[in-house]
C-alpha atoms as a PDB file:
ATOM      1  CA  UNK A   1     189.298  51.890 -89.876  1.00  0.00           C
ATOM      2  CA  UNK A   2     192.946  52.869 -90.004  1.00  0.00           C
ATOM      3  CA  UNK A   3     193.018  53.402 -86.218  1.00  0.00           C
ATOM      4  CA  UNK A   4     191.419  50.005 -85.640  1.00  0.00           C
ATOM      5  CA  UNK A   5     193.979  48.340 -87.900  1.00  0.00           C
ATOM      6  CA  UNK A   6     196.854  49.941 -86.003  1.00  0.00           C
ATOM      7  CA  UNK A   7     195.370  48.868 -82.661  1.00  0.00           C
ATOM      8  CA  UNK A   8     194.814  45.332 -83.918  1.00  0.00           C
ATOM      9  CA  UNK A   9     198.419  45.164 -85.137  1.00  0.00           C
ATOM     10  CA  UNK A  10     199.732  46.472 -81.808  1.00  0.00           C
ATOM     11  CA  UNK A  11     197.661  43.934 -79.853  1.00  0.00           C
ATOM     12  CA  UNK A  12     198.884  41.150 -82.111  1.00  0.00           C
ATOM     13  CA  UNK A  13     202.496  42.149 -81.525  1.00  0.00           C
ATOM     14  CA  UNK A  14     201.990  42.215 -77.754  1.00  0.00           C
ATOM     15  CA  UNK A  15     200.310  38.807 -77.759  1.00  0.00           C
ATOM     16  CA  UNK A  16     203.072  37.403 -79.942  1.00  0.00           C
ATOM     17  CA  UNK A  17     205.780  38.750 -77.630  1.00  0.00           C
ATOM     18  CA  UNK A  18     204.090  37.261 -74.566  1.00  0.00           C
ATOM     19  CA  UNK A  19     203.361  33.924 -76.243  1.00  0.00           C
ATOM     20  CA  UNK A  20     206.943  33.453 -77.377  1.00  0.00           C
ATOM     21  CA  UNK A  21     208.727  34.356 -74.154  1.00  0.00           C
ATOM     22  CA  UNK A  22     211.282  31.738 -73.156  1.00  0.00           C
ATOM     23  CA  UNK A  23     210.163  28.891 -70.896  1.00  0.00           C
ATOM     24  CA  UNK A  24     212.310  26.772 -68.574  1.00  0.00           C
ATOM     25  CA  UNK A  25     210.863  23.382 -67.670  1.00  0.00           C
ATOM     26  CA  UNK A  26     211.824  19.908 -66.464  1.00  0.00           C
ATOM     27  CA  UNK A  27     211.368  16.348 -67.651  1.00  0.00           C
ATOM     28  CA  UNK A  28     212.015  12.970 -66.086  1.00  0.00           C
ATOM     29  CA  UNK A  29     212.082   9.515 -67.657  1.00  0.00           C
ATOM     30  CA  UNK A  30     208.351   9.206 -66.902  1.00  0.00           C
ATOM     31  CA  UNK A  31     207.194  12.720 -67.836  1.00  0.00           C
ATOM     32  CA  UNK A  32     205.438  11.641 -71.022  1.00  0.00           C
ATOM     33  CA  UNK A  33     205.883   9.014 -73.713  1.00  0.00           C
ATOM     34  CA  UNK A  34     209.347   9.355 -75.169  1.00  0.00           C
ATOM     35  CA  UNK A  35     210.370  12.101 -72.743  1.00  0.00           C
ATOM     36  CA  UNK A  36     213.281  12.149 -70.368  1.00  0.00           C
ATOM     37  CA  UNK A  37     216.754  13.031 -71.532  1.00  0.00           C
ATOM     38  CA  UNK A  38     215.411  13.365 -75.093  1.00  0.00           C
ATOM     39  CA  UNK A  39     212.248  14.780 -76.621  1.00  0.00           C
ATOM     40  CA  UNK A  40     210.751  14.572 -80.076  1.00  0.00           C
ATOM     41  CA  UNK A  41     208.501  16.787 -82.146  1.00  0.00           C
ATOM     42  CA  UNK A  42     205.319  15.394 -80.570  1.00  0.00           C
ATOM     43  CA  UNK A  43     206.418  14.996 -76.948  1.00  0.00           C
ATOM     44  CA  UNK A  44     208.183  18.353 -76.572  1.00  0.00           C
ATOM     45  CA  UNK A  45     205.034  20.541 -76.424  1.00  0.00           C
ATOM     46  CA  UNK A  46     203.368  18.009 -74.089  1.00  0.00           C
ATOM     47  CA  UNK A  47     206.344  17.967 -71.709  1.00  0.00           C
ATOM     48  CA  UNK A  48     206.424  21.780 -71.599  1.00  0.00           C
ATOM     49  CA  UNK A  49     202.882  21.708 -70.224  1.00  0.00           C
ATOM     50  CA  UNK A  50     203.728  19.442 -67.290  1.00  0.00           C
ATOM     51  CA  UNK A  51     205.432  19.896 -63.922  1.00  0.00           C
ATOM     52  CA  UNK A  52     206.783  16.364 -63.426  1.00  0.00           C
ATOM     53  CA  UNK A  53     207.444  14.269 -60.343  1.00  0.00           C
ATOM     54  CA  UNK A  54     210.818  12.535 -60.030  1.00  0.00           C
ATOM     55  CA  UNK A  55     210.347   9.415 -57.891  1.00  0.00           C
ATOM     56  CA  UNK A  56     213.524   7.937 -56.408  1.00  0.00           C
ATOM     57  CA  UNK A  57     214.226   5.464 -53.638  1.00  0.00           C
ATOM     58  CA  UNK A  58     215.963   6.403 -50.415  1.00  0.00           C
ATOM     59  CA  UNK A  59     219.664   5.910 -51.153  1.00  0.00           C
ATOM     60  CA  UNK A  60     219.038   5.883 -54.892  1.00  0.00           C
ATOM     61  CA  UNK A  61     219.425   8.549 -57.579  1.00  0.00           C
ATOM     62  CA  UNK A  62     217.403  10.059 -60.396  1.00  0.00           C
ATOM     63  CA  UNK A  63     217.802  12.770 -63.025  1.00  0.00           C
ATOM     64  CA  UNK A  64     215.951  16.016 -63.644  1.00  0.00           C
ATOM     65  CA  UNK A  65     216.378  17.202 -67.240  1.00  0.00           C
ATOM     66  CA  UNK A  66     216.235  20.980 -67.625  1.00  0.00           C
ATOM     67  CA  UNK A  67     214.944  22.377 -70.932  1.00  0.00           C
ATOM     68  CA  UNK A  68     214.581  25.778 -72.575  1.00  0.00           C
ATOM     69  CA  UNK A  69     211.723  26.485 -74.987  1.00  0.00           C
ATOM     70  CA  UNK A  70     212.368  29.324 -77.438  1.00  0.00           C
ATOM     71  CA  UNK A  71     210.551  30.984 -80.302  1.00  0.00           C
ATOM     72  CA  UNK A  72     211.214  29.689 -83.813  1.00  0.00           C
ATOM     73  CA  UNK A  73     213.751  31.542 -85.977  1.00  0.00           C
ATOM     74  CA  UNK A  74     212.454  34.369 -88.101  1.00  0.00           C
ATOM     75  CA  UNK A  75     212.653  34.467 -91.887  1.00  0.00           C
ATOM     76  CA  UNK A  76     215.028  36.928 -93.554  1.00  0.00           C
ATOM     77  CA  UNK A  77     215.349  38.226 -97.081  1.00  0.00           C
ATOM     78  CA  UNK A  78     216.632  36.100 -99.935  1.00  0.00           C
ATOM     79  CA  UNK A  79     220.318  36.948-100.358  1.00  0.00           C
ATOM     80  CA  UNK A  80     220.015  36.891-104.156  1.00  0.00           C
ATOM     81  CA  UNK A  81     221.429  33.408-104.647  1.00  0.00           C
ATOM     82  CA  UNK A  82     218.192  31.604-103.913  1.00  0.00           C
ATOM     83  CA  UNK A  83     219.190  30.840-100.325  1.00  0.00           C
ATOM     84  CA  UNK A  84     217.112  32.136 -97.421  1.00  0.00           C
ATOM     85  CA  UNK A  85     218.916  32.902 -94.206  1.00  0.00           C
ATOM     86  CA  UNK A  86     217.382  32.936 -90.737  1.00  0.00           C
ATOM     87  CA  UNK A  87     218.042  34.925 -87.606  1.00  0.00           C
ATOM     88  CA  UNK A  88     217.172  33.812 -84.057  1.00  0.00           C
ATOM     89  CA  UNK A  89     214.203  35.350 -82.275  1.00  0.00           C
ATOM     90  CA  UNK A  90     215.819  34.712 -78.909  1.00  0.00           C
ATOM     91  CA  UNK A  91     219.283  33.735 -77.716  1.00  0.00           C
ATOM     92  CA  UNK A  92     219.775  32.935 -74.020  1.00  0.00           C
ATOM     93  CA  UNK A  93     223.140  34.391 -73.042  1.00  0.00           C
ATOM     94  CA  UNK A  94     222.763  34.198 -69.266  1.00  0.00           C
ATOM     95  CA  UNK A  95     221.500  31.275 -67.185  1.00  0.00           C
ATOM     96  CA  UNK A  96     221.625  32.494 -63.592  1.00  0.00           C
ATOM     97  CA  UNK A  97     219.099  30.163 -61.986  1.00  0.00           C
ATOM     98  CA  UNK A  98     218.756  28.237 -58.715  1.00  0.00           C
ATOM     99  CA  UNK A  99     216.764  25.059 -58.099  1.00  0.00           C
ATOM    100  CA  UNK A 100     215.261  25.649 -54.662  1.00  0.00           C
ATOM    101  CA  UNK A 101     213.262  23.424 -52.296  1.00  0.00           C
ATOM    102  CA  UNK A 102     212.095  24.029 -48.744  1.00  0.00           C
ATOM    103  CA  UNK A 103     212.386  20.312 -47.917  1.00  0.00           C
ATOM    104  CA  UNK A 104     216.173  20.148 -47.680  1.00  0.00           C
ATOM    105  CA  UNK A 105     216.238  16.797 -45.872  1.00  0.00           C
ATOM    106  CA  UNK A 106     214.489  14.695 -48.510  1.00  0.00           C
ATOM    107  CA  UNK A 107     217.129  14.864 -51.241  1.00  0.00           C
ATOM    108  CA  UNK A 108     220.198  16.652 -52.528  1.00  0.00           C
ATOM    109  CA  UNK A 109     221.859  17.149 -55.903  1.00  0.00           C
ATOM    110  CA  UNK A 110     225.189  15.403 -56.410  1.00  0.00           C
ATOM    111  CA  UNK A 111     226.209  17.022 -59.715  1.00  0.00           C
ATOM    112  CA  UNK A 112     224.923  18.479 -62.951  1.00  0.00           C
ATOM    113  CA  UNK A 113     226.021  18.377 -66.573  1.00  0.00           C
ATOM    114  CA  UNK A 114     225.419  21.325 -68.922  1.00  0.00           C
ATOM    115  CA  UNK A 115     224.681  20.227 -72.489  1.00  0.00           C
ATOM    116  CA  UNK A 116     227.089  21.634 -75.072  1.00  0.00           C
ATOM    117  CA  UNK A 117     228.813  23.737 -72.413  1.00  0.00           C
ATOM    118  CA  UNK A 118     232.010  24.292 -74.398  1.00  0.00           C
ATOM    119  CA  UNK A 119     230.186  25.669 -77.452  1.00  0.00           C
ATOM    120  CA  UNK A 120     227.343  27.513 -75.705  1.00  0.00           C
ATOM    121  CA  UNK A 121     228.929  29.293 -72.736  1.00  0.00           C
ATOM    122  CA  UNK A 122     232.185  31.131 -71.965  1.00  0.00           C
ATOM    123  CA  UNK A 123     231.615  31.394 -68.229  1.00  0.00           C
ATOM    124  CA  UNK A 124     232.507  30.078 -65.770  1.00  0.00           C
ATOM    125  CA  UNK A 125     234.962  28.258 -68.069  1.00  0.00           C
ATOM    126  CA  UNK A 126     232.922  26.334 -70.601  1.00  0.00           C
ATOM    127  CA  UNK A 127     233.018  22.973 -68.818  1.00  0.00           C
ATOM    128  CA  UNK A 128     229.886  20.935 -68.145  1.00  0.00           C
ATOM    129  CA  UNK A 129     230.185  20.282 -64.403  1.00  0.00           C
ATOM    130  CA  UNK A 130     229.584  22.727 -61.502  1.00  0.00           C
ATOM    131  CA  UNK A 131     232.289  25.375 -61.246  1.00  0.00           C
ATOM    132  CA  UNK A 132     232.640  26.631 -57.674  1.00  0.00           C
ATOM    133  CA  UNK A 133     235.040  29.365 -58.796  1.00  0.00           C
ATOM    134  CA  UNK A 134     232.222  30.787 -60.912  1.00  0.00           C
ATOM    135  CA  UNK A 135     229.652  30.635 -58.146  1.00  0.00           C
ATOM    136  CA  UNK A 136     228.038  27.339 -59.154  1.00  0.00           C
ATOM    137  CA  UNK A 137     227.160  24.629 -56.645  1.00  0.00           C
ATOM    138  CA  UNK A 138     225.106  21.538 -55.908  1.00  0.00           C
ATOM    139  CA  UNK A 139     223.690  20.327 -52.599  1.00  0.00           C
ATOM    140  CA  UNK A 140     220.399  20.647 -50.764  1.00  0.00           C
ATOM    141  CA  UNK A 141     220.007  24.421 -50.419  1.00  0.00           C
ATOM    142  CA  UNK A 142     219.891  25.174 -53.267  1.00  0.00           C
ATOM    143  CA  UNK A 143     219.797  21.834 -55.026  1.00  0.00           C
ATOM    144  CA  UNK A 144     221.717  23.395 -57.904  1.00  0.00           C
ATOM    145  CA  UNK A 145     222.997  26.855 -58.750  1.00  0.00           C
ATOM    146  CA  UNK A 146     223.736  27.705 -62.375  1.00  0.00           C
ATOM    147  CA  UNK A 147     225.849  30.730 -63.236  1.00  0.00           C
ATOM    148  CA  UNK A 148     226.378  30.384 -66.985  1.00  0.00           C
ATOM    149  CA  UNK A 149     227.177  33.248 -69.328  1.00  0.00           C
ATOM    150  CA  UNK A 150     227.879  33.626 -73.037  1.00  0.00           C
ATOM    151  CA  UNK A 151     230.031  36.503 -74.201  1.00  0.00           C
ATOM    152  CA  UNK A 152     231.782  35.489 -77.418  1.00  0.00           C
ATOM    153  CA  UNK A 153     230.041  32.177 -78.042  1.00  0.00           C
ATOM    154  CA  UNK A 154     226.604  30.999 -78.984  1.00  0.00           C
ATOM    155  CA  UNK A 155     224.541  30.701 -75.822  1.00  0.00           C
ATOM    156  CA  UNK A 156     221.242  28.871 -76.128  1.00  0.00           C
ATOM    157  CA  UNK A 157     220.000  29.721 -79.598  1.00  0.00           C
ATOM    158  CA  UNK A 158     216.715  28.920 -81.289  1.00  0.00           C
ATOM    159  CA  UNK A 159     218.560  27.563 -84.313  1.00  0.00           C
ATOM    160  CA  UNK A 160     218.490  23.805 -84.865  1.00  0.00           C
ATOM    161  CA  UNK A 161     219.605  21.632 -87.736  1.00  0.00           C
ATOM    162  CA  UNK A 162     216.004  20.594 -88.376  1.00  0.00           C
ATOM    163  CA  UNK A 163     214.615  24.130 -88.438  1.00  0.00           C
ATOM    164  CA  UNK A 164     217.213  25.562 -90.817  1.00  0.00           C
ATOM    165  CA  UNK A 165     216.959  24.290 -94.400  1.00  0.00           C
ATOM    166  CA  UNK A 166     220.402  25.473 -95.559  1.00  0.00           C
ATOM    167  CA  UNK A 167     223.796  26.513 -94.216  1.00  0.00           C
ATOM    168  CA  UNK A 168     223.323  30.229 -94.784  1.00  0.00           C
ATOM    169  CA  UNK A 169     222.603  31.129 -91.149  1.00  0.00           C
ATOM    170  CA  UNK A 170     224.042  33.579 -88.649  1.00  0.00           C
ATOM    171  CA  UNK A 171     224.479  30.987 -85.918  1.00  0.00           C
ATOM    172  CA  UNK A 172     223.718  27.316 -85.604  1.00  0.00           C
ATOM    173  CA  UNK A 173     223.078  25.412 -82.377  1.00  0.00           C
ATOM    174  CA  UNK A 174     223.446  21.828 -83.529  1.00  0.00           C
ATOM    175  CA  UNK A 175     223.246  19.857 -80.265  1.00  0.00           C
ATOM    176  CA  UNK A 176     221.763  16.397 -80.818  1.00  0.00           C
ATOM    177  CA  UNK A 177     219.135  17.028 -78.136  1.00  0.00           C
ATOM    178  CA  UNK A 178     217.634  20.046 -79.969  1.00  0.00           C
ATOM    179  CA  UNK A 179     214.057  19.526 -81.104  1.00  0.00           C
ATOM    180  CA  UNK A 180     211.749  21.474 -83.389  1.00  0.00           C
ATOM    181  CA  UNK A 181     208.363  20.902 -81.749  1.00  0.00           C
ATOM    182  CA  UNK A 182     205.133  20.234 -83.602  1.00  0.00           C
ATOM    183  CA  UNK A 183     204.004  23.632 -82.275  1.00  0.00           C
ATOM    184  CA  UNK A 184     206.797  25.335 -84.250  1.00  0.00           C
ATOM    185  CA  UNK A 185     208.864  26.252 -81.184  1.00  0.00           C
ATOM    186  CA  UNK A 186     212.428  25.117 -80.513  1.00  0.00           C
ATOM    187  CA  UNK A 187     213.352  22.966 -77.510  1.00  0.00           C
ATOM    188  CA  UNK A 188     216.924  22.752 -76.215  1.00  0.00           C
ATOM    189  CA  UNK A 189     218.174  20.687 -73.291  1.00  0.00           C
ATOM    190  CA  UNK A 190     220.187  22.947 -71.017  1.00  0.00           C
ATOM    191  CA  UNK A 191     221.346  20.546 -68.308  1.00  0.00           C
ATOM    192  CA  UNK A 192     220.847  17.293 -66.428  1.00  0.00           C
ATOM    193  CA  UNK A 193     220.799  17.386 -62.614  1.00  0.00           C
ATOM    194  CA  UNK A 194     221.481  14.190 -60.658  1.00  0.00           C
ATOM    195  CA  UNK A 195     219.405  13.935 -57.474  1.00  0.00           C
ATOM    196  CA  UNK A 196     220.084  11.553 -54.558  1.00  0.00           C
ATOM    197  CA  UNK A 197     217.303  10.460 -52.197  1.00  0.00           C
ATOM    198  CA  UNK A 198     218.183  10.995 -48.518  1.00  0.00           C
ATOM    199  CA  UNK A 199     215.100  10.452 -46.341  1.00  0.00           C
ATOM    200  CA  UNK A 200     212.038   8.723 -47.745  1.00  0.00           C
ATOM    201  CA  UNK A 201     208.639   7.620 -46.567  1.00  0.00           C
ATOM    202  CA  UNK A 202     206.375   4.801 -47.717  1.00  0.00           C
ATOM    203  CA  UNK A 203     204.031   7.341 -49.330  1.00  0.00           C
ATOM    204  CA  UNK A 204     206.886   9.485 -50.631  1.00  0.00           C
ATOM    205  CA  UNK A 205     208.719  12.332 -48.907  1.00  0.00           C
ATOM    206  CA  UNK A 206     207.891  15.240 -51.216  1.00  0.00           C
ATOM    207  CA  UNK A 207     210.279  18.078 -52.071  1.00  0.00           C
ATOM    208  CA  UNK A 208     208.696  20.660 -54.416  1.00  0.00           C
ATOM    209  CA  UNK A 209     211.307  22.353 -56.622  1.00  0.00           C
ATOM    210  CA  UNK A 210     211.073  26.017 -57.663  1.00  0.00           C
ATOM    211  CA  UNK A 211     213.201  27.907 -60.192  1.00  0.00           C
ATOM    212  CA  UNK A 212     214.604  31.170 -58.808  1.00  0.00           C
ATOM    213  CA  UNK A 213     216.659  33.894 -60.492  1.00  0.00           C
ATOM    214  CA  UNK A 214     220.061  34.370 -58.836  1.00  0.00           C
ATOM    215  CA  UNK A 215     222.561  37.236 -59.030  1.00  0.00           C
ATOM    216  CA  UNK A 216     223.827  36.077 -62.450  1.00  0.00           C
ATOM    217  CA  UNK A 217     220.327  36.825 -63.834  1.00  0.00           C
ATOM    218  CA  UNK A 218     218.552  35.292 -66.795  1.00  0.00           C
ATOM    219  CA  UNK A 219     219.457  37.185 -69.963  1.00  0.00           C
ATOM    220  CA  UNK A 220     218.384  37.041 -73.606  1.00  0.00           C
ATOM    221  CA  UNK A 221     219.547  38.862 -76.691  1.00  0.00           C
ATOM    222  CA  UNK A 222     217.577  39.944 -78.644  1.00  0.00           C
ATOM    223  CA  UNK A 223     214.790  38.213 -76.704  1.00  0.00           C
ATOM    224  CA  UNK A 224     212.727  39.583 -73.827  1.00  0.00           C
ATOM    225  CA  UNK A 225     214.506  38.913 -70.529  1.00  0.00           C
ATOM    226  CA  UNK A 226     211.725  40.583 -68.571  1.00  0.00           C
ATOM    227  CA  UNK A 227     209.308  37.780 -69.392  1.00  0.00           C
ATOM    228  CA  UNK A 228     210.338  34.179 -68.788  1.00  0.00           C
ATOM    229  CA  UNK A 229     208.086  31.296 -67.823  1.00  0.00           C
ATOM    230  CA  UNK A 230     209.150  28.850 -65.106  1.00  0.00           C
ATOM    231  CA  UNK A 231     207.503  25.467 -65.496  1.00  0.00           C
ATOM    232  CA  UNK A 232     203.830  25.263 -66.427  1.00  0.00           C
ATOM    233  CA  UNK A 233     200.846  27.122 -64.999  1.00  0.00           C
ATOM    234  CA  UNK A 234     202.646  30.253 -63.778  1.00  0.00           C
ATOM    235  CA  UNK A 235     202.630  33.846 -64.954  1.00  0.00           C
ATOM    236  CA  UNK A 236     205.916  35.029 -66.457  1.00  0.00           C
ATOM    237  CA  UNK A 237     208.541  36.688 -64.266  1.00  0.00           C
ATOM    238  CA  UNK A 238     211.444  39.006 -64.986  1.00  0.00           C
ATOM    239  CA  UNK A 239     214.737  37.214 -65.392  1.00  0.00           C
ATOM    240  CA  UNK A 240     216.505  40.527 -64.847  1.00  0.00           C
ATOM    241  CA  UNK A 241     215.790  40.665 -61.101  1.00  0.00           C
ATOM    242  CA  UNK A 242     217.431  38.292 -58.596  1.00  0.00           C
ATOM    243  CA  UNK A 243     214.981  36.592 -56.255  1.00  0.00           C
ATOM    244  CA  UNK A 244     212.119  36.260 -58.743  1.00  0.00           C
ATOM    245  CA  UNK A 245     210.712  32.764 -58.457  1.00  0.00           C
ATOM    246  CA  UNK A 246     207.902  30.517 -59.619  1.00  0.00           C
ATOM    247  CA  UNK A 247     204.737  30.244 -57.546  1.00  0.00           C
ATOM    248  CA  UNK A 248     203.788  26.756 -58.724  1.00  0.00           C
ATOM    249  CA  UNK A 249     206.331  23.963 -58.182  1.00  0.00           C
ATOM    250  CA  UNK A 250     208.177  23.368 -61.448  1.00  0.00           C
ATOM    251  CA  UNK A 251     208.979  19.783 -60.432  1.00  0.00           C
ATOM    252  CA  UNK A 252     208.539  17.583 -57.370  1.00  0.00           C
ATOM    253  CA  UNK A 253     211.001  15.085 -55.951  1.00  0.00           C
ATOM    254  CA  UNK A 254     209.374  12.115 -54.203  1.00  0.00           C
ATOM    255  CA  UNK A 255     211.690   9.950 -52.082  1.00  0.00           C
ATOM    256  CA  UNK A 256     210.241   6.559 -51.168  1.00  0.00           C
ATOM    257  CA  UNK A 257     211.429   3.850 -48.828  1.00  0.00           C
ATOM    258  CA  UNK A 258     211.684   0.229 -49.909  1.00  0.00           C
ATOM    259  CA  UNK A 259     210.958  -2.455 -47.273  1.00  0.00           C
ATOM    260  CA  UNK A 260     214.001  -4.388 -46.065  1.00  0.00           C
ATOM    261  CA  UNK A 261     214.306  -7.935 -47.502  1.00  0.00           C
ATOM    262  CA  UNK A 262     213.646  -9.374 -44.057  1.00  0.00           C
ATOM    263  CA  UNK A 263     210.490  -7.297 -43.703  1.00  0.00           C
ATOM    264  CA  UNK A 264     209.266  -8.544 -47.077  1.00  0.00           C
ATOM    265  CA  UNK A 265     209.942 -12.130 -46.005  1.00  0.00           C
ATOM    266  CA  UNK A 266     208.053 -11.631 -42.756  1.00  0.00           C
ATOM    267  CA  UNK A 267     205.089 -10.177 -44.632  1.00  0.00           C
ATOM    268  CA  UNK A 268     205.124 -13.187 -46.929  1.00  0.00           C
ATOM    269  CA  UNK A 269     205.184 -15.615 -44.005  1.00  0.00           C
ATOM    270  CA  UNK A 270     202.359 -13.741 -42.330  1.00  0.00           C
ATOM    271  CA  UNK A 271     200.227 -13.971 -45.440  1.00  0.00           C
ATOM    272  CA  UNK A 272     201.017 -17.684 -45.785  1.00  0.00           C
ATOM    273  CA  UNK A 273     199.940 -18.234 -42.177  1.00  0.00           C
ATOM    274  CA  UNK A 274     196.593 -16.547 -42.815  1.00  0.00           C
ATOM    275  CA  UNK A 275     195.991 -18.705 -45.883  1.00  0.00           C
ATOM    276  CA  UNK A 276     196.685 -21.886 -43.892  1.00  0.00           C
ATOM    277  CA  UNK A 277     194.326 -20.832 -41.104  1.00  0.00           C
ATOM    278  CA  UNK A 278     191.533 -20.219 -43.591  1.00  0.00           C
ATOM    279  CA  UNK A 279     192.069 -23.643 -45.165  1.00  0.00           C
ATOM    280  CA  UNK A 280     191.984 -25.250 -41.744  1.00  0.00           C
END
């Protein structure tokens, strides 16, 4: 019986570790009700289970919102004053990720904005926009390259104002976009990537987007960097090895063409002509 109990406990710990590995996923304004640049308790778990499609017109722009899902904070001992402090289960201190697509003619990224960059990351220099001096870039190949690191500052922490009932905490990530999901996990918006549509089709010129680990690596402390989930429907990969990538597209960009005003007018005249012929 004792052996069985130990085995059961070990299996439970392994399942818990796997279940609470960090997840990186995307949302758009049409991902799910209430999703987009913000999530709420109900929509966050739903959005994490989807790999959305961003539909933009040729010559237009759209936004991919990039989120990190982390385990909830763990309970600590009462400090003797009646207050209970919490410690994070995972803190993301390195975001070395590329957004890659094989269809480099459909669209390109024009910029990105890292949420809470000045309080979360030291490197490249704590600013929100792409820093070429730190190895970051936007374009078509890759769409975006993130090379963020946290040395003396917070990083992406699983602490939120809604999940911590008092001020007696080790660290506090208080970005307005943080959400405590109905599943108990914490959702933090990492960045927003602006995408411009270059070449579209009537049915939609599709550009599947895959997350790929770059030389900066994906790092957690004290979390498990060797297991991170990209999007939904994929097995976890190691964030500690450059080149690791998702197998299922984490998002899809669809660039559509809009008929010229003259073409629309001609179609309308053609339809009117058919109606008149039928009446005659």
